[in-house]
Protein backbone atom coordinates (compact mmCIF):
# COMPACT_ATOMS: atom_id res chain seq x y z
CA GLN A 1 -0.40 0.37 0.10
CA VAL A 2 0.89 3.15 -1.37
CA GLN A 3 0.11 6.56 1.03
CA LEU A 4 -0.58 9.62 -1.21
CA VAL A 5 -1.07 13.06 -0.04
CA GLU A 6 -3.13 15.60 -1.38
CA SER A 7 -2.44 19.54 -0.91
CA GLY A 8 -3.20 22.76 -2.47
CA GLY A 9 -6.90 22.89 -3.13
CA GLY A 10 -8.67 25.67 -2.14
CA LEU A 11 -11.22 28.69 -2.99
CA VAL A 12 -10.46 30.41 -6.64
CA GLN A 13 -12.39 33.03 -8.46
CA PRO A 14 -12.98 31.88 -11.70
CA GLY A 15 -10.05 32.27 -14.30
CA GLY A 16 -7.60 31.86 -11.18
CA SER A 17 -5.24 29.23 -10.92
CA LEU A 18 -3.98 26.80 -8.44
CA ARG A 19 -0.84 24.64 -8.15
CA LEU A 20 -1.87 20.74 -6.52
CA SER A 21 0.89 18.88 -5.21
CA CYS A 22 0.54 15.08 -4.27
CA SER A 23 3.43 13.60 -2.17
CA THR A 24 4.41 10.16 -0.86
CA SER A 25 7.24 8.61 0.68
CA ARG A 26 7.77 5.50 -0.87
CA SER A 27 10.15 5.10 -3.99
CA ILE A 28 8.43 3.28 -5.68
CA PHE A 29 6.66 6.85 -7.35
CA SER A 30 9.23 7.06 -9.44
CA ILE A 31 8.80 3.88 -11.20
CA TYR A 32 5.06 4.63 -12.54
CA THR A 33 2.94 6.96 -14.67
CA MET A 34 1.50 8.86 -12.46
CA GLY A 35 -2.45 10.48 -12.68
CA TRP A 36 -4.24 13.31 -11.16
CA TYR A 37 -8.58 12.43 -10.74
CA ARG A 38 -10.97 14.48 -9.80
CA GLN A 39 -14.85 14.05 -8.30
CA ALA A 40 -17.33 16.73 -8.53
CA PRO A 41 -20.71 16.01 -6.44
CA GLY A 42 -23.26 13.71 -7.82
CA LYS A 43 -20.84 12.65 -10.21
CA GLN A 44 -18.10 9.73 -10.90
CA ARG A 45 -14.71 10.15 -10.66
CA GLU A 46 -12.82 10.68 -13.47
CA LEU A 47 -8.77 10.97 -14.89
CA VAL A 48 -8.02 14.24 -15.68
CA GLY A 49 -4.74 13.97 -16.57
CA ARG A 50 -1.68 11.48 -16.43
CA ILE A 51 2.38 11.95 -16.37
CA THR A 52 4.58 8.66 -17.00
CA VAL A 53 7.98 8.34 -15.45
CA GLY A 54 9.76 10.50 -18.41
CA GLY A 55 7.60 13.15 -18.45
CA THR A 56 5.51 12.38 -21.08
CA THR A 57 1.92 14.06 -20.18
CA THR A 58 -1.49 13.30 -21.67
CA TYR A 59 -4.72 15.29 -20.74
CA ALA A 60 -8.82 14.93 -20.43
CA ASP A 61 -9.99 16.98 -23.41
CA SER A 62 -12.04 19.28 -20.95
CA VAL A 63 -8.71 20.36 -19.52
CA LYS A 64 -6.23 20.95 -22.06
CA GLY A 65 -4.43 23.67 -22.51
CA ARG A 66 -5.50 24.79 -18.67
CA PHE A 67 -3.62 22.33 -17.08
CA THR A 68 -0.12 21.07 -16.69
CA ILE A 69 0.88 18.17 -14.61
CA SER A 70 4.52 17.14 -13.29
CA ARG A 71 6.18 15.34 -10.99
CA ASP A 72 10.20 15.46 -9.37
CA ASN A 73 11.14 11.74 -9.11
CA ALA A 74 13.26 12.98 -6.51
CA LYS A 75 11.57 14.81 -4.53
CA ARG A 76 8.43 11.97 -4.90
CA VAL A 77 6.13 15.16 -5.75
CA LEU A 78 3.38 15.19 -8.13
CA TYR A 79 2.31 18.28 -8.89
CA LEU A 80 -0.85 19.63 -10.79
CA GLN A 81 -0.82 23.22 -11.98
CA MET A 82 -4.36 24.49 -12.73
CA ASN A 83 -4.90 27.70 -15.14
CA SER A 84 -7.71 29.57 -15.82
CA LEU A 85 -9.68 27.88 -13.50
CA LYS A 86 -13.98 27.55 -14.11
CA PRO A 87 -16.52 26.60 -12.21
CA GLU A 88 -17.09 23.40 -13.68
CA ASP A 89 -13.50 22.45 -12.43
CA THR A 90 -14.47 22.54 -8.58
CA ALA A 91 -14.02 18.90 -6.82
CA ALA A 92 -12.26 17.08 -5.49
CA TYR A 93 -9.45 16.43 -6.31
CA TYR A 94 -6.57 13.27 -6.34
CA CYS A 95 -3.19 11.47 -6.66
CA ASN A 96 -3.10 8.28 -7.68
CA PHE A 97 -1.55 5.42 -10.29
CA ALA A 98 -2.80 5.47 -13.43
CA PRO A 99 -4.33 2.89 -13.62
CA PRO A 100 -5.51 3.80 -10.72
CA SER A 101 -4.75 1.44 -7.46
CA PRO A 102 -7.68 1.04 -5.20
CA GLU A 103 -5.58 0.91 -2.04
CA SER A 104 -3.42 4.44 -2.60
CA TRP A 105 -6.86 6.42 -3.06
CA GLY A 106 -6.23 9.60 -0.27
CA GLN A 107 -8.17 11.65 1.29
CA GLY A 108 -7.86 13.82 -2.16
CA THR A 109 -8.43 18.36 -1.62
CA GLN A 110 -10.66 20.11 -2.46
CA VAL A 111 -10.75 22.88 -5.12
CA THR A 112 -13.66 25.22 -5.78
CA VAL A 113 -14.14 27.77 -8.01
CA SER A 114 -16.35 30.61 -7.45
CA SER A 115 -16.77 34.24 -7.13
């Protein structure tokens, strides 16, 4: 079981930016593709995007061009830079492996986009 801890969420106005972080103490972080996921109230959890060990990224169409995933393998930290935020980005955001490990879901971090 790998514990992943998300942080950096908060309340932001439409058009604003936030950077989320996901950290772990486990070294296996550096050898797996990682993903950011989100779950809005009443909706299923969805994949926001993923990043390979080598840094190749893919994104959901809904966030393409606005969100950027990066990773620091030495520090075992995954990042999600979110720009031009919209109210529909409001959700709890989670990191996990891609595909996800059921045992590794953390508490997530809440992002609320509202004026």
